[in-house]
């Protein structure tokens, strides 16, 4: 069997497959289906300083080869996570990545200070409304990305920082470089696109929030291009995601320059998607007599 272990900014993962934030909760439900210790890492449900109930229902809708969600960062709050969920995740022997979110710059600083040293990595969710910028997401403009990254990094003395980039931007390369300037140890991308699904009988959007985040197999080609662009714009590691459903999909992202991948929507379609993806990656590497998965990173040959 090939060696699937990878290392991202000093954090060792037994394989490059990480559960994407928001699709895996804190792992307990999936652990009833299979032993989640087989995974490389788990990015937690987005954590805020205070508990959040999320947006009104309906907040999930289907499209062609995609789903839309407007869950709204429903979570029990960072203190609850530290007290009730962190120990469980650490006991599974996977890399624990705390996905953190906020409405203001100060929110990010506070939550990073609370979680510093307790987890293996922090993933900064900057696709949240910023009340100091007229509702604009912090992850849109490079100058805002650099600012929130620098503030978060200042409050992380022991824990590496990964910044999760929004695809709804003018230049993914410019935004990746902004995160790097702000002190990010790595970046992850892409977060969801923004979209809408309409009920033509009611002539209204299906989602109560009108729009939602688009994810799933249908976004993979766009996400793959953005990961390639980001990986060749920065010197820090890149973690790729967006429509990964199979082991071959994951290998594409790594060939494009990603050091690891995150799997999200596939978990809804197949509860055992990630163990299967790990197995399929291994089978492909063995079939091609590649002893170490790191050998395929950034090996894409353009025409």
C-alpha atoms as a PDB file:
ATOM      1  CA  UNK A   1       0.000   0.000   0.000  1.00  0.00           C
ATOM      2  CA  UNK A   2       1.167   3.512  -0.786  1.00  0.00           C
ATOM      3  CA  UNK A   3       2.167   5.923   1.962  1.00  0.00           C
ATOM      4  CA  UNK A   4      -0.735   8.378   2.199  1.00  0.00           C
ATOM      5  CA  UNK A   5       0.642  10.493   5.053  1.00  0.00           C
ATOM      6  CA  UNK A   6       1.067  14.217   4.468  1.00  0.00           C
ATOM      7  CA  UNK A   7       2.257  17.186   6.497  1.00  0.00           C
ATOM      8  CA  UNK A   8       0.750  20.669   6.390  1.00  0.00           C
ATOM      9  CA  UNK A   9       2.563  23.494   8.213  1.00  0.00           C
ATOM     10  CA  UNK A  10       3.961  21.091  10.778  1.00  0.00           C
ATOM     11  CA  UNK A  11       0.744  19.119  11.305  1.00  0.00           C
ATOM     12  CA  UNK A  12       1.000  15.455  10.331  1.00  0.00           C
ATOM     13  CA  UNK A  13      -2.026  13.706   8.815  1.00  0.00           C
ATOM     14  CA  UNK A  14      -2.219   9.951   8.266  1.00  0.00           C
ATOM     15  CA  UNK A  15      -3.782  10.656   4.854  1.00  0.00           C
ATOM     16  CA  UNK A  16      -4.755  13.794   2.901  1.00  0.00           C
ATOM     17  CA  UNK A  17      -8.544  13.432   3.330  1.00  0.00           C
ATOM     18  CA  UNK A  18     -10.139  15.940   5.714  1.00  0.00           C
ATOM     19  CA  UNK A  19     -13.831  16.287   6.541  1.00  0.00           C
ATOM     20  CA  UNK A  20     -14.957  19.732   5.388  1.00  0.00           C
ATOM     21  CA  UNK A  21     -16.512  22.105   7.900  1.00  0.00           C
ATOM     22  CA  UNK A  22     -20.276  22.111   8.167  1.00  0.00           C
ATOM     23  CA  UNK A  23     -20.819  18.704   6.602  1.00  0.00           C
ATOM     24  CA  UNK A  24     -19.508  16.485   9.389  1.00  0.00           C
ATOM     25  CA  UNK A  25     -20.670  18.194  12.582  1.00  0.00           C
ATOM     26  CA  UNK A  26     -18.194  17.181  15.270  1.00  0.00           C
ATOM     27  CA  UNK A  27     -17.925  13.631  13.966  1.00  0.00           C
ATOM     28  CA  UNK A  28     -20.068  11.789  16.489  1.00  0.00           C
ATOM     29  CA  UNK A  29     -22.868  10.774  14.117  1.00  0.00           C
ATOM     30  CA  UNK A  30     -20.489   9.533  11.425  1.00  0.00           C
ATOM     31  CA  UNK A  31     -18.509   7.600  14.038  1.00  0.00           C
ATOM     32  CA  UNK A  32     -21.608   5.471  14.519  1.00  0.00           C
ATOM     33  CA  UNK A  33     -21.339   4.451  10.846  1.00  0.00           C
ATOM     34  CA  UNK A  34     -17.562   3.887  10.643  1.00  0.00           C
ATOM     35  CA  UNK A  35     -14.496   4.523  12.785  1.00  0.00           C
ATOM     36  CA  UNK A  36     -13.598   8.113  11.909  1.00  0.00           C
ATOM     37  CA  UNK A  37     -10.049   7.560  13.142  1.00  0.00           C
ATOM     38  CA  UNK A  38      -9.322   6.446   9.568  1.00  0.00           C
ATOM     39  CA  UNK A  39      -9.514  10.056   8.373  1.00  0.00           C
ATOM     40  CA  UNK A  40      -6.628  12.451   7.997  1.00  0.00           C
ATOM     41  CA  UNK A  41      -8.433  15.275   9.768  1.00  0.00           C
ATOM     42  CA  UNK A  42     -11.743  16.860  10.657  1.00  0.00           C
ATOM     43  CA  UNK A  43     -12.618  20.518  10.200  1.00  0.00           C
ATOM     44  CA  UNK A  44     -15.315  21.233  12.751  1.00  0.00           C
ATOM     45  CA  UNK A  45     -18.660  22.900  12.305  1.00  0.00           C
ATOM     46  CA  UNK A  46     -18.055  26.648  12.127  1.00  0.00           C
ATOM     47  CA  UNK A  47     -17.577  27.945  15.675  1.00  0.00           C
ATOM     48  CA  UNK A  48     -18.658  31.353  16.927  1.00  0.00           C
ATOM     49  CA  UNK A  49     -18.173  33.021  20.301  1.00  0.00           C
ATOM     50  CA  UNK A  50     -21.836  32.546  21.221  1.00  0.00           C
ATOM     51  CA  UNK A  51     -24.233  29.743  20.238  1.00  0.00           C
ATOM     52  CA  UNK A  52     -26.211  30.325  17.030  1.00  0.00           C
ATOM     53  CA  UNK A  53     -29.499  28.801  15.887  1.00  0.00           C
ATOM     54  CA  UNK A  54     -28.840  29.481  12.218  1.00  0.00           C
ATOM     55  CA  UNK A  55     -31.236  30.653   9.530  1.00  0.00           C
ATOM     56  CA  UNK A  56     -34.959  29.823   9.197  1.00  0.00           C
ATOM     57  CA  UNK A  57     -36.054  26.764   7.211  1.00  0.00           C
ATOM     58  CA  UNK A  58     -36.128  25.677   4.462  1.00  0.00           C
ATOM     59  CA  UNK A  59     -32.377  26.125   4.248  1.00  0.00           C
ATOM     60  CA  UNK A  60     -31.337  23.231   2.008  1.00  0.00           C
ATOM     61  CA  UNK A  61     -32.260  22.834  -1.655  1.00  0.00           C
ATOM     62  CA  UNK A  62     -31.127  20.615  -4.519  1.00  0.00           C
ATOM     63  CA  UNK A  63     -29.965  21.626  -7.970  1.00  0.00           C
ATOM     64  CA  UNK A  64     -28.467  19.653 -10.855  1.00  0.00           C
ATOM     65  CA  UNK A  65     -25.379  17.901  -9.423  1.00  0.00           C
ATOM     66  CA  UNK A  66     -25.267  20.434  -6.554  1.00  0.00           C
ATOM     67  CA  UNK A  67     -26.962  21.347  -3.311  1.00  0.00           C
ATOM     68  CA  UNK A  68     -27.547  24.802  -1.868  1.00  0.00           C
ATOM     69  CA  UNK A  69     -27.449  25.556   1.824  1.00  0.00           C
ATOM     70  CA  UNK A  70     -28.180  28.579   3.964  1.00  0.00           C
ATOM     71  CA  UNK A  71     -27.796  26.929   7.364  1.00  0.00           C
ATOM     72  CA  UNK A  72     -26.267  30.089   8.805  1.00  0.00           C
ATOM     73  CA  UNK A  73     -23.463  28.797  11.037  1.00  0.00           C
ATOM     74  CA  UNK A  74     -25.715  26.979  13.480  1.00  0.00           C
ATOM     75  CA  UNK A  75     -23.396  25.844  16.288  1.00  0.00           C
ATOM     76  CA  UNK A  76     -23.263  25.477  20.084  1.00  0.00           C
ATOM     77  CA  UNK A  77     -20.489  28.051  20.534  1.00  0.00           C
ATOM     78  CA  UNK A  78     -16.768  27.654  21.124  1.00  0.00           C
ATOM     79  CA  UNK A  79     -17.010  27.120  24.895  1.00  0.00           C
ATOM     80  CA  UNK A  80     -19.399  24.200  24.416  1.00  0.00           C
ATOM     81  CA  UNK A  81     -17.075  22.726  21.777  1.00  0.00           C
ATOM     82  CA  UNK A  82     -14.071  22.926  24.088  1.00  0.00           C
ATOM     83  CA  UNK A  83     -15.977  21.345  26.960  1.00  0.00           C
ATOM     84  CA  UNK A  84     -17.965  18.622  25.213  1.00  0.00           C
ATOM     85  CA  UNK A  85     -16.591  17.850  21.741  1.00  0.00           C
ATOM     86  CA  UNK A  86     -12.849  18.502  21.669  1.00  0.00           C
ATOM     87  CA  UNK A  87     -11.941  15.530  23.876  1.00  0.00           C
ATOM     88  CA  UNK A  88     -13.935  13.157  21.691  1.00  0.00           C
ATOM     89  CA  UNK A  89     -12.179  14.330  18.524  1.00  0.00           C
ATOM     90  CA  UNK A  90      -8.726  14.192  20.086  1.00  0.00           C
ATOM     91  CA  UNK A  91      -9.447  10.646  21.205  1.00  0.00           C
ATOM     92  CA  UNK A  92      -9.972   9.594  17.581  1.00  0.00           C
ATOM     93  CA  UNK A  93      -6.361  10.349  16.632  1.00  0.00           C
ATOM     94  CA  UNK A  94      -7.199  12.665  13.733  1.00  0.00           C
ATOM     95  CA  UNK A  95      -5.963  16.183  13.107  1.00  0.00           C
ATOM     96  CA  UNK A  96      -8.514  18.489  14.750  1.00  0.00           C
ATOM     97  CA  UNK A  97      -9.085  21.677  12.755  1.00  0.00           C
ATOM     98  CA  UNK A  98     -11.293  24.268  14.436  1.00  0.00           C
ATOM     99  CA  UNK A  99     -13.246  26.254  11.852  1.00  0.00           C
ATOM    100  CA  UNK A 100     -13.905  29.679  13.376  1.00  0.00           C
ATOM    101  CA  UNK A 101     -16.224  32.444  12.242  1.00  0.00           C
ATOM    102  CA  UNK A 102     -17.400  35.849  13.345  1.00  0.00           C
ATOM    103  CA  UNK A 103     -19.253  39.003  12.399  1.00  0.00           C
ATOM    104  CA  UNK A 104     -16.469  41.431  13.313  1.00  0.00           C
ATOM    105  CA  UNK A 105     -12.683  41.465  13.372  1.00  0.00           C
ATOM    106  CA  UNK A 106     -12.808  41.386  17.158  1.00  0.00           C
ATOM    107  CA  UNK A 107     -14.855  38.157  17.085  1.00  0.00           C
ATOM    108  CA  UNK A 108     -12.088  36.367  15.215  1.00  0.00           C
ATOM    109  CA  UNK A 109      -9.420  37.571  17.604  1.00  0.00           C
ATOM    110  CA  UNK A 110     -11.378  36.467  20.679  1.00  0.00           C
ATOM    111  CA  UNK A 111     -12.201  32.986  19.449  1.00  0.00           C
ATOM    112  CA  UNK A 112      -8.652  32.363  18.203  1.00  0.00           C
ATOM    113  CA  UNK A 113      -7.293  33.318  21.632  1.00  0.00           C
ATOM    114  CA  UNK A 114      -9.723  30.884  23.298  1.00  0.00           C
ATOM    115  CA  UNK A 115      -8.812  27.955  21.089  1.00  0.00           C
ATOM    116  CA  UNK A 116      -5.065  28.545  20.729  1.00  0.00           C
ATOM    117  CA  UNK A 117      -3.041  25.479  21.659  1.00  0.00           C
ATOM    118  CA  UNK A 118      -6.102  23.261  22.058  1.00  0.00           C
ATOM    119  CA  UNK A 119      -6.444  22.093  18.455  1.00  0.00           C
ATOM    120  CA  UNK A 120      -4.034  21.103  15.698  1.00  0.00           C
ATOM    121  CA  UNK A 121      -5.017  23.944  13.379  1.00  0.00           C
ATOM    122  CA  UNK A 122      -7.474  26.819  13.067  1.00  0.00           C
ATOM    123  CA  UNK A 123      -9.369  27.317   9.806  1.00  0.00           C
ATOM    124  CA  UNK A 124     -10.575  30.887   9.391  1.00  0.00           C
ATOM    125  CA  UNK A 125     -14.016  31.097   7.816  1.00  0.00           C
ATOM    126  CA  UNK A 126     -13.998  34.599   6.331  1.00  0.00           C
ATOM    127  CA  UNK A 127     -17.092  34.225   4.165  1.00  0.00           C
ATOM    128  CA  UNK A 128     -19.268  35.673   6.919  1.00  0.00           C
ATOM    129  CA  UNK A 129     -21.083  39.032   7.019  1.00  0.00           C
ATOM    130  CA  UNK A 130     -18.912  41.804   8.428  1.00  0.00           C
ATOM    131  CA  UNK A 131     -21.108  44.320  10.220  1.00  0.00           C
ATOM    132  CA  UNK A 132     -18.397  46.968   9.984  1.00  0.00           C
ATOM    133  CA  UNK A 133     -18.404  46.747   6.175  1.00  0.00           C
ATOM    134  CA  UNK A 134     -22.082  47.059   5.349  1.00  0.00           C
ATOM    135  CA  UNK A 135     -22.751  43.330   5.373  1.00  0.00           C
ATOM    136  CA  UNK A 136     -19.904  42.570   2.975  1.00  0.00           C
ATOM    137  CA  UNK A 137     -18.089  39.309   3.601  1.00  0.00           C
ATOM    138  CA  UNK A 138     -14.628  39.706   5.076  1.00  0.00           C
ATOM    139  CA  UNK A 139     -13.295  37.336   2.446  1.00  0.00           C
ATOM    140  CA  UNK A 140     -14.052  39.446  -0.624  1.00  0.00           C
ATOM    141  CA  UNK A 141     -11.444  42.212  -0.702  1.00  0.00           C
ATOM    142  CA  UNK A 142      -7.706  41.449  -0.361  1.00  0.00           C
ATOM    143  CA  UNK A 143      -7.172  44.244   2.178  1.00  0.00           C
ATOM    144  CA  UNK A 144      -9.889  42.832   4.456  1.00  0.00           C
ATOM    145  CA  UNK A 145      -8.472  39.323   4.153  1.00  0.00           C
ATOM    146  CA  UNK A 146      -5.024  40.510   5.118  1.00  0.00           C
ATOM    147  CA  UNK A 147      -6.418  42.421   8.101  1.00  0.00           C
ATOM    148  CA  UNK A 148      -8.518  39.612   9.578  1.00  0.00           C
ATOM    149  CA  UNK A 149      -5.729  37.105   8.965  1.00  0.00           C
ATOM    150  CA  UNK A 150      -3.158  39.293  10.742  1.00  0.00           C
ATOM    151  CA  UNK A 151      -5.437  39.838  13.739  1.00  0.00           C
ATOM    152  CA  UNK A 152      -6.230  36.144  14.029  1.00  0.00           C
ATOM    153  CA  UNK A 153      -2.575  35.169  13.672  1.00  0.00           C
ATOM    154  CA  UNK A 154      -1.643  37.619  16.434  1.00  0.00           C
ATOM    155  CA  UNK A 155      -3.922  35.667  18.784  1.00  0.00           C
ATOM    156  CA  UNK A 156      -2.522  32.267  17.799  1.00  0.00           C
ATOM    157  CA  UNK A 157       0.794  31.693  19.547  1.00  0.00           C
ATOM    158  CA  UNK A 158       0.820  27.883  19.290  1.00  0.00           C
ATOM    159  CA  UNK A 159      -1.595  26.872  16.534  1.00  0.00           C
ATOM    160  CA  UNK A 160      -1.086  27.098  12.746  1.00  0.00           C
ATOM    161  CA  UNK A 161      -3.610  29.200  10.824  1.00  0.00           C
ATOM    162  CA  UNK A 162      -5.401  28.116   7.653  1.00  0.00           C
ATOM    163  CA  UNK A 163      -7.535  30.712   5.851  1.00  0.00           C
ATOM    164  CA  UNK A 164     -10.562  29.434   3.920  1.00  0.00           C
ATOM    165  CA  UNK A 165     -11.063  31.471   0.756  1.00  0.00           C
ATOM    166  CA  UNK A 166     -14.345  32.426  -0.874  1.00  0.00           C
ATOM    167  CA  UNK A 167     -14.670  31.800  -4.636  1.00  0.00           C
ATOM    168  CA  UNK A 168     -17.041  34.753  -5.054  1.00  0.00           C
ATOM    169  CA  UNK A 169     -14.185  37.160  -5.723  1.00  0.00           C
ATOM    170  CA  UNK A 170     -12.425  39.071  -8.476  1.00  0.00           C
ATOM    171  CA  UNK A 171      -9.098  37.249  -8.149  1.00  0.00           C
ATOM    172  CA  UNK A 172      -8.508  34.100  -6.107  1.00  0.00           C
ATOM    173  CA  UNK A 173      -4.754  34.518  -6.601  1.00  0.00           C
ATOM    174  CA  UNK A 174      -4.780  38.042  -5.170  1.00  0.00           C
ATOM    175  CA  UNK A 175      -6.816  36.908  -2.175  1.00  0.00           C
ATOM    176  CA  UNK A 176      -4.532  33.931  -1.529  1.00  0.00           C
ATOM    177  CA  UNK A 177      -1.550  36.293  -1.554  1.00  0.00           C
ATOM    178  CA  UNK A 178      -3.384  38.620   0.853  1.00  0.00           C
ATOM    179  CA  UNK A 179      -3.850  35.742   3.310  1.00  0.00           C
ATOM    180  CA  UNK A 180      -0.164  34.875   2.948  1.00  0.00           C
ATOM    181  CA  UNK A 181       0.846  38.488   3.656  1.00  0.00           C
ATOM    182  CA  UNK A 182      -1.380  38.473   6.725  1.00  0.00           C
ATOM    183  CA  UNK A 183       0.541  35.540   8.150  1.00  0.00           C
ATOM    184  CA  UNK A 184      -1.532  32.527   7.109  1.00  0.00           C
ATOM    185  CA  UNK A 185       0.363  29.247   7.352  1.00  0.00           C
ATOM    186  CA  UNK A 186      -1.805  27.749   4.605  1.00  0.00           C
ATOM    187  CA  UNK A 187      -5.016  28.412   2.703  1.00  0.00           C
ATOM    188  CA  UNK A 188      -8.011  26.213   1.906  1.00  0.00           C
ATOM    189  CA  UNK A 189     -10.398  26.661  -1.010  1.00  0.00           C
ATOM    190  CA  UNK A 190     -12.975  26.867  -2.303  1.00  0.00           C
ATOM    191  CA  UNK A 191     -15.813  27.733   0.013  1.00  0.00           C
ATOM    192  CA  UNK A 192     -19.275  27.631  -1.550  1.00  0.00           C
ATOM    193  CA  UNK A 193     -20.417  29.708  -4.498  1.00  0.00           C
ATOM    194  CA  UNK A 194     -23.556  31.834  -4.157  1.00  0.00           C
ATOM    195  CA  UNK A 195     -26.668  30.620  -5.969  1.00  0.00           C
ATOM    196  CA  UNK A 196     -30.445  30.351  -6.070  1.00  0.00           C
ATOM    197  CA  UNK A 197     -33.082  27.711  -6.794  1.00  0.00           C
ATOM    198  CA  UNK A 198     -36.656  28.789  -7.638  1.00  0.00           C
ATOM    199  CA  UNK A 199     -39.979  27.040  -7.056  1.00  0.00           C
ATOM    200  CA  UNK A 200     -41.742  28.011 -10.303  1.00  0.00           C
ATOM    201  CA  UNK A 201     -45.215  27.161  -8.932  1.00  0.00           C
ATOM    202  CA  UNK A 202     -44.850  29.664  -6.084  1.00  0.00           C
ATOM    203  CA  UNK A 203     -42.480  31.907  -8.048  1.00  0.00           C
ATOM    204  CA  UNK A 204     -40.295  32.139  -4.989  1.00  0.00           C
ATOM    205  CA  UNK A 205     -36.814  30.929  -4.034  1.00  0.00           C
ATOM    206  CA  UNK A 206     -36.948  27.525  -2.339  1.00  0.00           C
ATOM    207  CA  UNK A 207     -34.541  28.639   0.392  1.00  0.00           C
ATOM    208  CA  UNK A 208     -36.029  30.981   2.999  1.00  0.00           C
ATOM    209  CA  UNK A 209     -32.852  33.061   2.854  1.00  0.00           C
ATOM    210  CA  UNK A 210     -33.414  33.433  -0.943  1.00  0.00           C
ATOM    211  CA  UNK A 211     -29.821  32.482  -1.812  1.00  0.00           C
ATOM    212  CA  UNK A 212     -27.496  29.784  -0.542  1.00  0.00           C
ATOM    213  CA  UNK A 213     -24.028  28.352  -0.828  1.00  0.00           C
ATOM    214  CA  UNK A 214     -23.619  26.031  -3.825  1.00  0.00           C
ATOM    215  CA  UNK A 215     -21.553  22.865  -3.362  1.00  0.00           C
ATOM    216  CA  UNK A 216     -21.329  19.383  -4.825  1.00  0.00           C
ATOM    217  CA  UNK A 217     -20.008  17.627  -7.905  1.00  0.00           C
ATOM    218  CA  UNK A 218     -21.155  20.374 -10.268  1.00  0.00           C
ATOM    219  CA  UNK A 219     -18.668  22.940  -8.950  1.00  0.00           C
ATOM    220  CA  UNK A 220     -15.566  20.742  -9.265  1.00  0.00           C
ATOM    221  CA  UNK A 221     -14.126  22.098 -12.556  1.00  0.00           C
ATOM    222  CA  UNK A 222     -14.333  25.698 -11.321  1.00  0.00           C
ATOM    223  CA  UNK A 223     -12.952  24.826  -7.890  1.00  0.00           C
ATOM    224  CA  UNK A 224     -10.117  22.835  -9.453  1.00  0.00           C
ATOM    225  CA  UNK A 225      -9.046  25.799 -11.601  1.00  0.00           C
ATOM    226  CA  UNK A 226      -9.086  28.114  -8.585  1.00  0.00           C
ATOM    227  CA  UNK A 227      -7.019  25.694  -6.515  1.00  0.00           C
ATOM    228  CA  UNK A 228      -4.457  25.522  -9.323  1.00  0.00           C
ATOM    229  CA  UNK A 229      -4.318  29.328  -9.493  1.00  0.00           C
ATOM    230  CA  UNK A 230      -3.946  29.737  -5.735  1.00  0.00           C
ATOM    231  CA  UNK A 231      -1.321  27.014  -5.431  1.00  0.00           C
ATOM    232  CA  UNK A 232       0.826  28.822  -7.987  1.00  0.00           C
ATOM    233  CA  UNK A 233       0.288  32.261  -6.451  1.00  0.00           C
ATOM    234  CA  UNK A 234       1.596  31.534  -2.937  1.00  0.00           C
ATOM    235  CA  UNK A 235       4.442  29.690  -1.259  1.00  0.00           C
ATOM    236  CA  UNK A 236       2.359  28.356   1.621  1.00  0.00           C
ATOM    237  CA  UNK A 237       0.487  25.016   1.357  1.00  0.00           C
ATOM    238  CA  UNK A 238      -2.954  24.813  -0.245  1.00  0.00           C
ATOM    239  CA  UNK A 239      -5.795  22.493   0.784  1.00  0.00           C
ATOM    240  CA  UNK A 240      -8.268  21.931  -2.041  1.00  0.00           C
ATOM    241  CA  UNK A 241     -11.993  21.262  -2.009  1.00  0.00           C
ATOM    242  CA  UNK A 242     -15.077  21.647  -4.127  1.00  0.00           C
ATOM    243  CA  UNK A 243     -17.074  18.771  -5.574  1.00  0.00           C
ATOM    244  CA  UNK A 244     -14.768  15.916  -4.557  1.00  0.00           C
ATOM    245  CA  UNK A 245     -16.827  12.730  -4.777  1.00  0.00           C
ATOM    246  CA  UNK A 246     -14.232  10.061  -5.634  1.00  0.00           C
ATOM    247  CA  UNK A 247     -10.598   9.188  -5.109  1.00  0.00           C
ATOM    248  CA  UNK A 248      -9.842  10.283  -8.663  1.00  0.00           C
ATOM    249  CA  UNK A 249     -11.348  13.701  -7.886  1.00  0.00           C
ATOM    250  CA  UNK A 250      -9.080  14.042  -4.856  1.00  0.00           C
ATOM    251  CA  UNK A 251      -6.032  13.091  -6.928  1.00  0.00           C
ATOM    252  CA  UNK A 252      -6.914  15.785  -9.486  1.00  0.00           C
ATOM    253  CA  UNK A 253      -6.803  18.454  -6.785  1.00  0.00           C
ATOM    254  CA  UNK A 254      -3.445  17.203  -5.541  1.00  0.00           C
ATOM    255  CA  UNK A 255      -2.023  17.138  -9.067  1.00  0.00           C
ATOM    256  CA  UNK A 256      -3.200  20.754  -9.383  1.00  0.00           C
ATOM    257  CA  UNK A 257      -1.085  21.682  -6.361  1.00  0.00           C
ATOM    258  CA  UNK A 258      -3.112  20.872  -3.237  1.00  0.00           C
ATOM    259  CA  UNK A 259      -1.232  19.154  -0.401  1.00  0.00           C
ATOM    260  CA  UNK A 260      -4.478  17.753   1.039  1.00  0.00           C
ATOM    261  CA  UNK A 261      -8.203  17.848   0.284  1.00  0.00           C
ATOM    262  CA  UNK A 262     -11.465  18.415   2.094  1.00  0.00           C
ATOM    263  CA  UNK A 263     -14.611  16.432   1.372  1.00  0.00           C
ATOM    264  CA  UNK A 264     -18.000  17.959   2.117  1.00  0.00           C
ATOM    265  CA  UNK A 265     -21.177  17.353   0.135  1.00  0.00           C
ATOM    266  CA  UNK A 266     -20.148  13.797  -0.742  1.00  0.00           C
ATOM    267  CA  UNK A 267     -20.797  12.908   2.908  1.00  0.00           C
ATOM    268  CA  UNK A 268     -24.496  13.706   2.433  1.00  0.00           C
ATOM    269  CA  UNK A 269     -24.803  11.459  -0.611  1.00  0.00           C
ATOM    270  CA  UNK A 270     -22.760   8.605   0.870  1.00  0.00           C
ATOM    271  CA  UNK A 271     -22.126   8.413   4.613  1.00  0.00           C
ATOM    272  CA  UNK A 272     -19.010   6.319   3.912  1.00  0.00           C
ATOM    273  CA  UNK A 273     -17.689   8.582   1.161  1.00  0.00           C
ATOM    274  CA  UNK A 274     -14.405   9.488   2.833  1.00  0.00           C
ATOM    275  CA  UNK A 275     -13.217   5.957   3.692  1.00  0.00           C
ATOM    276  CA  UNK A 276     -14.083   5.020   0.112  1.00  0.00           C
ATOM    277  CA  UNK A 277     -12.166   8.008  -1.296  1.00  0.00           C
ATOM    278  CA  UNK A 278      -9.106   7.064   0.781  1.00  0.00           C
ATOM    279  CA  UNK A 279      -9.325   3.496  -0.519  1.00  0.00           C
ATOM    280  CA  UNK A 280      -9.751   4.637  -4.125  1.00  0.00           C
ATOM    281  CA  UNK A 281      -6.727   6.937  -3.854  1.00  0.00           C
ATOM    282  CA  UNK A 282      -4.640   4.088  -2.534  1.00  0.00           C
ATOM    283  CA  UNK A 283      -5.792   1.742  -5.289  1.00  0.00           C
ATOM    284  CA  UNK A 284      -4.861   4.267  -7.989  1.00  0.00           C
ATOM    285  CA  UNK A 285      -1.436   4.919  -6.487  1.00  0.00           C
ATOM    286  CA  UNK A 286      -0.752   1.185  -6.199  1.00  0.00           C
ATOM    287  CA  UNK A 287      -1.897   0.576  -9.774  1.00  0.00           C
ATOM    288  CA  UNK A 288       0.531   3.266 -10.976  1.00  0.00           C
ATOM    289  CA  UNK A 289       3.338   2.030  -8.715  1.00  0.00           C
ATOM    290  CA  UNK A 290       3.547   5.333  -6.824  1.00  0.00           C
ATOM    291  CA  UNK A 291       4.842   4.673  -3.328  1.00  0.00           C
ATOM    292  CA  UNK A 292       4.024   8.027  -1.726  1.00  0.00           C
ATOM    293  CA  UNK A 293       1.034  10.300  -2.352  1.00  0.00           C
ATOM    294  CA  UNK A 294       3.230  13.396  -2.038  1.00  0.00           C
ATOM    295  CA  UNK A 295       4.888  12.417  -5.326  1.00  0.00           C
ATOM    296  CA  UNK A 296       1.788  13.489  -7.272  1.00  0.00           C
ATOM    297  CA  UNK A 297       1.449  16.982  -5.745  1.00  0.00           C
ATOM    298  CA  UNK A 298       1.727  19.756  -8.357  1.00  0.00           C
ATOM    299  CA  UNK A 299       2.500  17.370 -11.199  1.00  0.00           C
ATOM    300  CA  UNK A 300      -0.081  18.749 -13.635  1.00  0.00           C
ATOM    301  CA  UNK A 301       1.340  19.175 -17.147  1.00  0.00           C
ATOM    302  CA  UNK A 302      -0.389  21.913 -19.082  1.00  0.00           C
ATOM    303  CA  UNK A 303      -0.881  21.590 -22.853  1.00  0.00           C
END
